[in-house]
Amino acid sequence: HAQHKQIKQILHYVNSQTQKRQILLQLIEEHTIMQGIIFTSTKRGADDLAEEMKERGYPVASLHGDMRQSVRNRTLEQLR
C-alpha cells in the first residue's frame, strides 16, 4: 500500500509506563510534532494520558467507545 509522505511511523520498545511517557514527550518536543494520534491499550489509559498532556499544556483530547457519540463526533471534527 502507498505511504503518505507526511506521515512518519516510529516504534520504540519500552520497559515501563514511565519510560513510555518520557519517550513520547521527548518525541513531541524534539520533532516539533504539530498533530498526531497516540494509541493506548485501554480507555482509562487514553483518559490518563490526555489528562497528563493537558496538564503539560498540550491541546489534546481522548477518544474511545465509552464516550457519547456526539462527543466522539466533536472530537473527530476538532482533529480535522
PDB file of N, CA and C in Angstrom:
ATOM      1  N   HIS A   1       0.829  -1.191   0.000  1.00  0.00           N
ATOM      2  CA  HIS A   1       0.000   0.000   0.000  1.00  0.00           C
ATOM      3  C   HIS A   1       0.870   1.251   0.000  1.00  0.00           C
ATOM      4  N   ALA A   2       0.349   2.345  -0.491  1.00  0.00           N
ATOM      5  CA  ALA A   2       1.097   3.594  -0.593  1.00  0.00           C
ATOM      6  C   ALA A   2       1.242   4.236   0.777  1.00  0.00           C
ATOM      7  N   GLN A   3       2.401   4.842   1.003  1.00  0.00           N
ATOM      8  CA  GLN A   3       2.661   5.526   2.259  1.00  0.00           C
ATOM      9  C   GLN A   3       2.581   7.031   2.036  1.00  0.00           C
ATOM     10  N   HIS A   4       1.876   7.722   2.902  1.00  0.00           N
ATOM     11  CA  HIS A   4       1.765   9.175   2.826  1.00  0.00           C
ATOM     12  C   HIS A   4       3.102   9.783   3.241  1.00  0.00           C
ATOM     13  N   LYS A   5       3.637  10.706   2.442  1.00  0.00           N
ATOM     14  CA  LYS A   5       4.971  11.241   2.681  1.00  0.00           C
ATOM     15  C   LYS A   5       5.064  12.100   3.942  1.00  0.00           C
ATOM     16  N   GLN A   6       3.950  12.631   4.432  1.00  0.00           N
ATOM     17  CA  GLN A   6       3.996  13.478   5.613  1.00  0.00           C
ATOM     18  C   GLN A   6       3.704  12.707   6.899  1.00  0.00           C
ATOM     19  N   ILE A   7       3.519  11.406   6.809  1.00  0.00           N
ATOM     20  CA  ILE A   7       3.261  10.589   7.990  1.00  0.00           C
ATOM     21  C   ILE A   7       4.496   9.758   8.276  1.00  0.00           C
ATOM     22  N   LYS A   8       4.958   9.853   9.502  1.00  0.00           N
ATOM     23  CA  LYS A   8       6.125   9.078   9.909  1.00  0.00           C
ATOM     24  C   LYS A   8       5.708   8.152  11.042  1.00  0.00           C
ATOM     25  N   GLN A   9       5.951   6.875  10.883  1.00  0.00           N
ATOM     26  CA  GLN A   9       5.631   5.898  11.909  1.00  0.00           C
ATOM     27  C   GLN A   9       6.920   5.519  12.635  1.00  0.00           C
ATOM     28  N   ILE A  10       6.839   5.469  13.959  1.00  0.00           N
ATOM     29  CA  ILE A  10       8.003   5.173  14.786  1.00  0.00           C
ATOM     30  C   ILE A  10       7.610   4.093  15.797  1.00  0.00           C
ATOM     31  N   LEU A  11       8.504   3.150  16.032  1.00  0.00           N
ATOM     32  CA  LEU A  11       8.272   2.105  17.022  1.00  0.00           C
ATOM     33  C   LEU A  11       9.403   2.140  18.038  1.00  0.00           C
ATOM     34  N   HIS A  12       9.052   2.206  19.319  1.00  0.00           N
ATOM     35  CA  HIS A  12      10.020   2.162  20.412  1.00  0.00           C
ATOM     36  C   HIS A  12       9.584   1.076  21.382  1.00  0.00           C
ATOM     37  N   TYR A  13      10.502   0.233  21.783  1.00  0.00           N
ATOM     38  CA  TYR A  13      10.219  -0.761  22.806  1.00  0.00           C
ATOM     39  C   TYR A  13      10.576  -0.162  24.159  1.00  0.00           C
ATOM     40  N   VAL A  14       9.676  -0.288  25.126  1.00  0.00           N
ATOM     41  CA  VAL A  14       9.889   0.288  26.449  1.00  0.00           C
ATOM     42  C   VAL A  14       9.629  -0.759  27.522  1.00  0.00           C
ATOM     43  N   ASN A  15      10.153  -0.487  28.716  1.00  0.00           N
ATOM     44  CA  ASN A  15      10.016  -1.421  29.832  1.00  0.00           C
ATOM     45  C   ASN A  15       8.977  -1.001  30.861  1.00  0.00           C
ATOM     46  N   SER A  16       8.516   0.234  30.786  1.00  0.00           N
ATOM     47  CA  SER A  16       7.569   0.708  31.800  1.00  0.00           C
ATOM     48  C   SER A  16       6.706   1.828  31.243  1.00  0.00           C
ATOM     49  N   GLN A  17       5.624   2.088  31.933  1.00  0.00           N
ATOM     50  CA  GLN A  17       4.732   3.185  31.558  1.00  0.00           C
ATOM     51  C   GLN A  17       5.460   4.519  31.683  1.00  0.00           C
ATOM     52  N   THR A  18       6.293   4.656  32.693  1.00  0.00           N
ATOM     53  CA  THR A  18       7.056   5.889  32.886  1.00  0.00           C
ATOM     54  C   THR A  18       7.994   6.129  31.707  1.00  0.00           C
ATOM     55  N   GLN A  19       8.689   5.090  31.283  1.00  0.00           N
ATOM     56  CA  GLN A  19       9.597   5.213  30.145  1.00  0.00           C
ATOM     57  C   GLN A  19       8.829   5.559  28.876  1.00  0.00           C
ATOM     58  N   LYS A  20       7.645   4.985  28.725  1.00  0.00           N
ATOM     59  CA  LYS A  20       6.812   5.268  27.552  1.00  0.00           C
ATOM     60  C   LYS A  20       6.435   6.747  27.508  1.00  0.00           C
ATOM     61  N   ARG A  21       6.025   7.297  28.641  1.00  0.00           N
ATOM     62  CA  ARG A  21       5.643   8.717  28.697  1.00  0.00           C
ATOM     63  C   ARG A  21       6.842   9.617  28.422  1.00  0.00           C
ATOM     64  N   GLN A  22       8.004   9.252  28.970  1.00  0.00           N
ATOM     65  CA  GLN A  22       9.207  10.063  28.741  1.00  0.00           C
ATOM     66  C   GLN A  22       9.574  10.104  27.253  1.00  0.00           C
ATOM     67  N   ILE A  23       9.519   8.953  26.603  1.00  0.00           N
ATOM     68  CA  ILE A  23       9.850   8.900  25.174  1.00  0.00           C
ATOM     69  C   ILE A  23       8.831   9.690  24.368  1.00  0.00           C
ATOM     70  N   LEU A  24       7.555   9.562  24.702  1.00  0.00           N
ATOM     71  CA  LEU A  24       6.510  10.297  23.994  1.00  0.00           C
ATOM     72  C   LEU A  24       6.753  11.796  24.077  1.00  0.00           C
ATOM     73  N   LEU A  25       6.987  12.307  25.276  1.00  0.00           N
ATOM     74  CA  LEU A  25       7.228  13.740  25.437  1.00  0.00           C
ATOM     75  C   LEU A  25       8.494  14.178  24.700  1.00  0.00           C
ATOM     76  N   GLN A  26       9.520  13.359  24.749  1.00  0.00           N
ATOM     77  CA  GLN A  26      10.764  13.670  24.045  1.00  0.00           C
ATOM     78  C   GLN A  26      10.528  13.741  22.540  1.00  0.00           C
ATOM     79  N   LEU A  27       9.784  12.797  21.997  1.00  0.00           N
ATOM     80  CA  LEU A  27       9.492  12.805  20.562  1.00  0.00           C
ATOM     81  C   LEU A  27       8.703  14.041  20.152  1.00  0.00           C
ATOM     82  N   ILE A  28       7.713  14.392  20.941  1.00  0.00           N
ATOM     83  CA  ILE A  28       6.882  15.561  20.624  1.00  0.00           C
ATOM     84  C   ILE A  28       7.730  16.824  20.611  1.00  0.00           C
ATOM     85  N   GLU A  29       8.584  16.969  21.602  1.00  0.00           N
ATOM     86  CA  GLU A  29       9.392  18.182  21.710  1.00  0.00           C
ATOM     87  C   GLU A  29      10.522  18.220  20.683  1.00  0.00           C
ATOM     88  N   GLU A  30      11.205  17.118  20.468  1.00  0.00           N
ATOM     89  CA  GLU A  30      12.350  17.105  19.556  1.00  0.00           C
ATOM     90  C   GLU A  30      11.948  17.213  18.090  1.00  0.00           C
ATOM     91  N   HIS A  31      10.814  16.655  17.737  1.00  0.00           N
ATOM     92  CA  HIS A  31      10.409  16.630  16.334  1.00  0.00           C
ATOM     93  C   HIS A  31       9.354  17.677  16.001  1.00  0.00           C
ATOM     94  N   THR A  32       9.054  18.546  16.952  1.00  0.00           N
ATOM     95  CA  THR A  32       8.062  19.596  16.760  1.00  0.00           C
ATOM     96  C   THR A  32       6.801  19.034  16.104  1.00  0.00           C
ATOM     97  N   ILE A  33       6.249  18.025  16.725  1.00  0.00           N
ATOM     98  CA  ILE A  33       5.034  17.401  16.209  1.00  0.00           C
ATOM     99  C   ILE A  33       3.855  18.334  16.454  1.00  0.00           C
ATOM    100  N   MET A  34       3.183  18.701  15.393  1.00  0.00           N
ATOM    101  CA  MET A  34       2.067  19.634  15.495  1.00  0.00           C
ATOM    102  C   MET A  34       0.726  18.911  15.626  1.00  0.00           C
ATOM    103  N   GLN A  35       0.660  17.700  15.124  1.00  0.00           N
ATOM    104  CA  GLN A  35      -0.595  16.950  15.181  1.00  0.00           C
ATOM    105  C   GLN A  35      -0.271  15.466  15.133  1.00  0.00           C
ATOM    106  N   GLY A  36      -0.960  14.689  15.951  1.00  0.00           N
ATOM    107  CA  GLY A  36      -0.696  13.261  15.950  1.00  0.00           C
ATOM    108  C   GLY A  36      -1.805  12.486  16.631  1.00  0.00           C
ATOM    109  N   ILE A  37      -1.736  11.185  16.478  1.00  0.00           N
ATOM    110  CA  ILE A  37      -2.666  10.274  17.131  1.00  0.00           C
ATOM    111  C   ILE A  37      -1.831   9.297  17.941  1.00  0.00           C
ATOM    112  N   ILE A  38      -2.181   9.147  19.202  1.00  0.00           N
ATOM    113  CA  ILE A  38      -1.482   8.239  20.096  1.00  0.00           C
ATOM    114  C   ILE A  38      -2.471   7.159  20.509  1.00  0.00           C
ATOM    115  N   PHE A  39      -2.118   5.920  20.276  1.00  0.00           N
ATOM    116  CA  PHE A  39      -2.985   4.806  20.643  1.00  0.00           C
ATOM    117  C   PHE A  39      -2.572   4.259  21.999  1.00  0.00           C
ATOM    118  N   THR A  40      -3.560   3.925  22.813  1.00  0.00           N
ATOM    119  CA  THR A  40      -3.320   3.305  24.107  1.00  0.00           C
ATOM    120  C   THR A  40      -4.042   1.965  24.141  1.00  0.00           C
ATOM    121  N   SER A  41      -3.664   1.118  25.067  1.00  0.00           N
ATOM    122  CA  SER A  41      -4.258  -0.215  25.122  1.00  0.00           C
ATOM    123  C   SER A  41      -5.587  -0.234  25.878  1.00  0.00           C
ATOM    124  N   THR A  42      -5.874   0.817  26.643  1.00  0.00           N
ATOM    125  CA  THR A  42      -7.131   0.857  27.403  1.00  0.00           C
ATOM    126  C   THR A  42      -7.786   2.229  27.307  1.00  0.00           C
ATOM    127  N   LYS A  43      -9.065   2.273  27.573  1.00  0.00           N
ATOM    128  CA  LYS A  43      -9.797   3.542  27.594  1.00  0.00           C
ATOM    129  C   LYS A  43      -9.290   4.415  28.730  1.00  0.00           C
ATOM    130  N   ARG A  44      -9.044   3.796  29.873  1.00  0.00           N
ATOM    131  CA  ARG A  44      -8.525   4.548  31.021  1.00  0.00           C
ATOM    132  C   ARG A  44      -7.142   5.121  30.698  1.00  0.00           C
ATOM    133  N   GLY A  45      -6.329   4.336  29.998  1.00  0.00           N
ATOM    134  CA  GLY A  45      -5.009   4.818  29.598  1.00  0.00           C
ATOM    135  C   GLY A  45      -5.111   6.033  28.696  1.00  0.00           C
ATOM    136  N   ALA A  46      -6.093   6.034  27.811  1.00  0.00           N
ATOM    137  CA  ALA A  46      -6.315   7.185  26.925  1.00  0.00           C
ATOM    138  C   ALA A  46      -6.695   8.417  27.738  1.00  0.00           C
ATOM    139  N   ASP A  47      -7.599   8.247  28.684  1.00  0.00           N
ATOM    140  CA  ASP A  47      -8.023   9.369  29.526  1.00  0.00           C
ATOM    141  C   ASP A  47      -6.875   9.887  30.389  1.00  0.00           C
ATOM    142  N   ASP A  48      -6.108   8.965  30.989  1.00  0.00           N
ATOM    143  CA  ASP A  48      -4.995   9.367  31.847  1.00  0.00           C
ATOM    144  C   ASP A  48      -3.925  10.111  31.051  1.00  0.00           C
ATOM    145  N   LEU A  49      -3.594   9.603  29.871  1.00  0.00           N
ATOM    146  CA  LEU A  49      -2.588  10.260  29.044  1.00  0.00           C
ATOM    147  C   LEU A  49      -3.073  11.634  28.598  1.00  0.00           C
ATOM    148  N   ALA A  50      -4.320  11.728  28.191  1.00  0.00           N
ATOM    149  CA  ALA A  50      -4.868  13.025  27.770  1.00  0.00           C
ATOM    150  C   ALA A  50      -4.809  14.024  28.920  1.00  0.00           C
ATOM    151  N   GLU A  51      -5.141  13.594  30.119  1.00  0.00           N
ATOM    152  CA  GLU A  51      -5.109  14.487  31.284  1.00  0.00           C
ATOM    153  C   GLU A  51      -3.680  14.961  31.562  1.00  0.00           C
ATOM    154  N   GLU A  52      -2.729  14.043  31.511  1.00  0.00           N
ATOM    155  CA  GLU A  52      -1.325  14.413  31.742  1.00  0.00           C
ATOM    156  C   GLU A  52      -0.831  15.390  30.678  1.00  0.00           C
ATOM    157  N   MET A  53      -1.200  15.146  29.429  1.00  0.00           N
ATOM    158  CA  MET A  53      -0.771  16.029  28.351  1.00  0.00           C
ATOM    159  C   MET A  53      -1.406  17.416  28.491  1.00  0.00           C
ATOM    160  N   LYS A  54      -2.670  17.467  28.900  1.00  0.00           N
ATOM    161  CA  LYS A  54      -3.326  18.764  29.133  1.00  0.00           C
ATOM    162  C   LYS A  54      -2.605  19.539  30.223  1.00  0.00           C
ATOM    163  N   GLU A  55      -2.226  18.842  31.312  1.00  0.00           N
ATOM    164  CA  GLU A  55      -1.510  19.487  32.412  1.00  0.00           C
ATOM    165  C   GLU A  55      -0.176  20.064  31.949  1.00  0.00           C
ATOM    166  N   ARG A  56       0.399  19.485  30.922  1.00  0.00           N
ATOM    167  CA  ARG A  56       1.673  19.963  30.373  1.00  0.00           C
ATOM    168  C   ARG A  56       1.462  21.040  29.301  1.00  0.00           C
ATOM    169  N   GLY A  57       0.212  21.399  29.055  1.00  0.00           N
ATOM    170  CA  GLY A  57      -0.080  22.492  28.136  1.00  0.00           C
ATOM    171  C   GLY A  57      -0.354  22.094  26.699  1.00  0.00           C
ATOM    172  N   TYR A  58      -0.505  20.801  26.428  1.00  0.00           N
ATOM    173  CA  TYR A  58      -0.782  20.347  25.070  1.00  0.00           C
ATOM    174  C   TYR A  58      -2.287  20.324  24.816  1.00  0.00           C
ATOM    175  N   PRO A  59      -2.718  20.777  23.637  1.00  0.00           N
ATOM    176  CA  PRO A  59      -4.150  20.710  23.297  1.00  0.00           C
ATOM    177  C   PRO A  59      -4.491  19.290  22.825  1.00  0.00           C
ATOM    178  N   VAL A  60      -5.037  18.490  23.712  1.00  0.00           N
ATOM    179  CA  VAL A  60      -5.306  17.083  23.413  1.00  0.00           C
ATOM    180  C   VAL A  60      -6.749  16.728  23.752  1.00  0.00           C
ATOM    181  N   ALA A  61      -7.177  15.595  23.232  1.00  0.00           N
ATOM    182  CA  ALA A  61      -8.494  15.054  23.552  1.00  0.00           C
ATOM    183  C   ALA A  61      -8.414  13.537  23.516  1.00  0.00           C
ATOM    184  N   SER A  62      -9.124  12.916  24.409  1.00  0.00           N
ATOM    185  CA  SER A  62      -9.225  11.462  24.438  1.00  0.00           C
ATOM    186  C   SER A  62     -10.408  11.054  23.567  1.00  0.00           C
ATOM    187  N   LEU A  63     -10.315   9.868  22.979  1.00  0.00           N
ATOM    188  CA  LEU A  63     -11.391   9.375  22.122  1.00  0.00           C
ATOM    189  C   LEU A  63     -11.505   7.871  22.320  1.00  0.00           C
ATOM    190  N   HIS A  64     -12.690   7.403  22.757  1.00  0.00           N
ATOM    191  CA  HIS A  64     -12.905   5.966  22.939  1.00  0.00           C
ATOM    192  C   HIS A  64     -14.393   5.649  22.994  1.00  0.00           C
ATOM    193  N   GLY A  65     -14.709   4.376  23.030  1.00  0.00           N
ATOM    194  CA  GLY A  65     -16.087   3.901  22.920  1.00  0.00           C
ATOM    195  C   GLY A  65     -16.998   4.197  24.090  1.00  0.00           C
ATOM    196  N   ASP A  66     -16.459   4.589  25.240  1.00  0.00           N
ATOM    197  CA  ASP A  66     -17.322   4.904  26.379  1.00  0.00           C
ATOM    198  C   ASP A  66     -17.867   6.325  26.320  1.00  0.00           C
ATOM    199  N   MET A  67     -17.487   7.060  25.315  1.00  0.00           N
ATOM    200  CA  MET A  67     -17.948   8.441  25.177  1.00  0.00           C
ATOM    201  C   MET A  67     -19.246   8.476  24.365  1.00  0.00           C
ATOM    202  N   ARG A  68     -20.074   9.483  24.630  1.00  0.00           N
ATOM    203  CA  ARG A  68     -21.291   9.658  23.823  1.00  0.00           C
ATOM    204  C   ARG A  68     -20.893   9.937  22.376  1.00  0.00           C
ATOM    205  N   GLN A  69     -21.701   9.497  21.456  1.00  0.00           N
ATOM    206  CA  GLN A  69     -21.401   9.666  20.033  1.00  0.00           C
ATOM    207  C   GLN A  69     -21.205  11.135  19.668  1.00  0.00           C
ATOM    208  N   SER A  70     -21.993  12.008  20.250  1.00  0.00           N
ATOM    209  CA  SER A  70     -21.862  13.437  19.939  1.00  0.00           C
ATOM    210  C   SER A  70     -20.496  13.969  20.367  1.00  0.00           C
ATOM    211  N   VAL A  71     -19.980  13.484  21.490  1.00  0.00           N
ATOM    212  CA  VAL A  71     -18.656  13.905  21.958  1.00  0.00           C
ATOM    213  C   VAL A  71     -17.577  13.344  21.049  1.00  0.00           C
ATOM    214  N   ARG A  72     -17.726  12.087  20.636  1.00  0.00           N
ATOM    215  CA  ARG A  72     -16.751  11.496  19.711  1.00  0.00           C
ATOM    216  C   ARG A  72     -16.735  12.251  18.391  1.00  0.00           C
ATOM    217  N   ASN A  73     -17.920  12.579  17.869  1.00  0.00           N
ATOM    218  CA  ASN A  73     -18.002  13.325  16.606  1.00  0.00           C
ATOM    219  C   ASN A  73     -17.332  14.691  16.722  1.00  0.00           C
ATOM    220  N   ARG A  74     -17.580  15.385  17.823  1.00  0.00           N
ATOM    221  CA  ARG A  74     -16.990  16.712  18.031  1.00  0.00           C
ATOM    222  C   ARG A  74     -15.459  16.593  18.127  1.00  0.00           C
ATOM    223  N   THR A  75     -14.973  15.577  18.819  1.00  0.00           N
ATOM    224  CA  THR A  75     -13.529  15.367  18.953  1.00  0.00           C
ATOM    225  C   THR A  75     -12.900  15.088  17.603  1.00  0.00           C
ATOM    226  N   LEU A  76     -13.524  14.237  16.796  1.00  0.00           N
ATOM    227  CA  LEU A  76     -13.002  13.940  15.464  1.00  0.00           C
ATOM    228  C   LEU A  76     -13.013  15.185  14.574  1.00  0.00           C
ATOM    229  N   GLU A  77     -14.047  15.987  14.693  1.00  0.00           N
ATOM    230  CA  GLU A  77     -14.134  17.210  13.891  1.00  0.00           C
ATOM    231  C   GLU A  77     -13.010  18.175  14.275  1.00  0.00           C
ATOM    232  N   GLN A  78     -12.706  18.265  15.562  1.00  0.00           N
ATOM    233  CA  GLN A  78     -11.606  19.133  16.014  1.00  0.00           C
ATOM    234  C   GLN A  78     -10.260  18.638  15.489  1.00  0.00           C
ATOM    235  N   LEU A  79     -10.102  17.332  15.368  1.00  0.00           N
ATOM    236  CA  LEU A  79      -8.861  16.780  14.853  1.00  0.00           C
ATOM    237  C   LEU A  79      -8.662  17.156  13.384  1.00  0.00           C
ATOM    238  N   ARG A  80      -9.749  17.170  12.637  1.00  0.00           N
ATOM    239  CA  ARG A  80      -9.666  17.513  11.208  1.00  0.00           C
ATOM    240  C   ARG A  80      -9.287  18.957  11.063  1.00  0.00           C
TER     241      ARG A  80
END
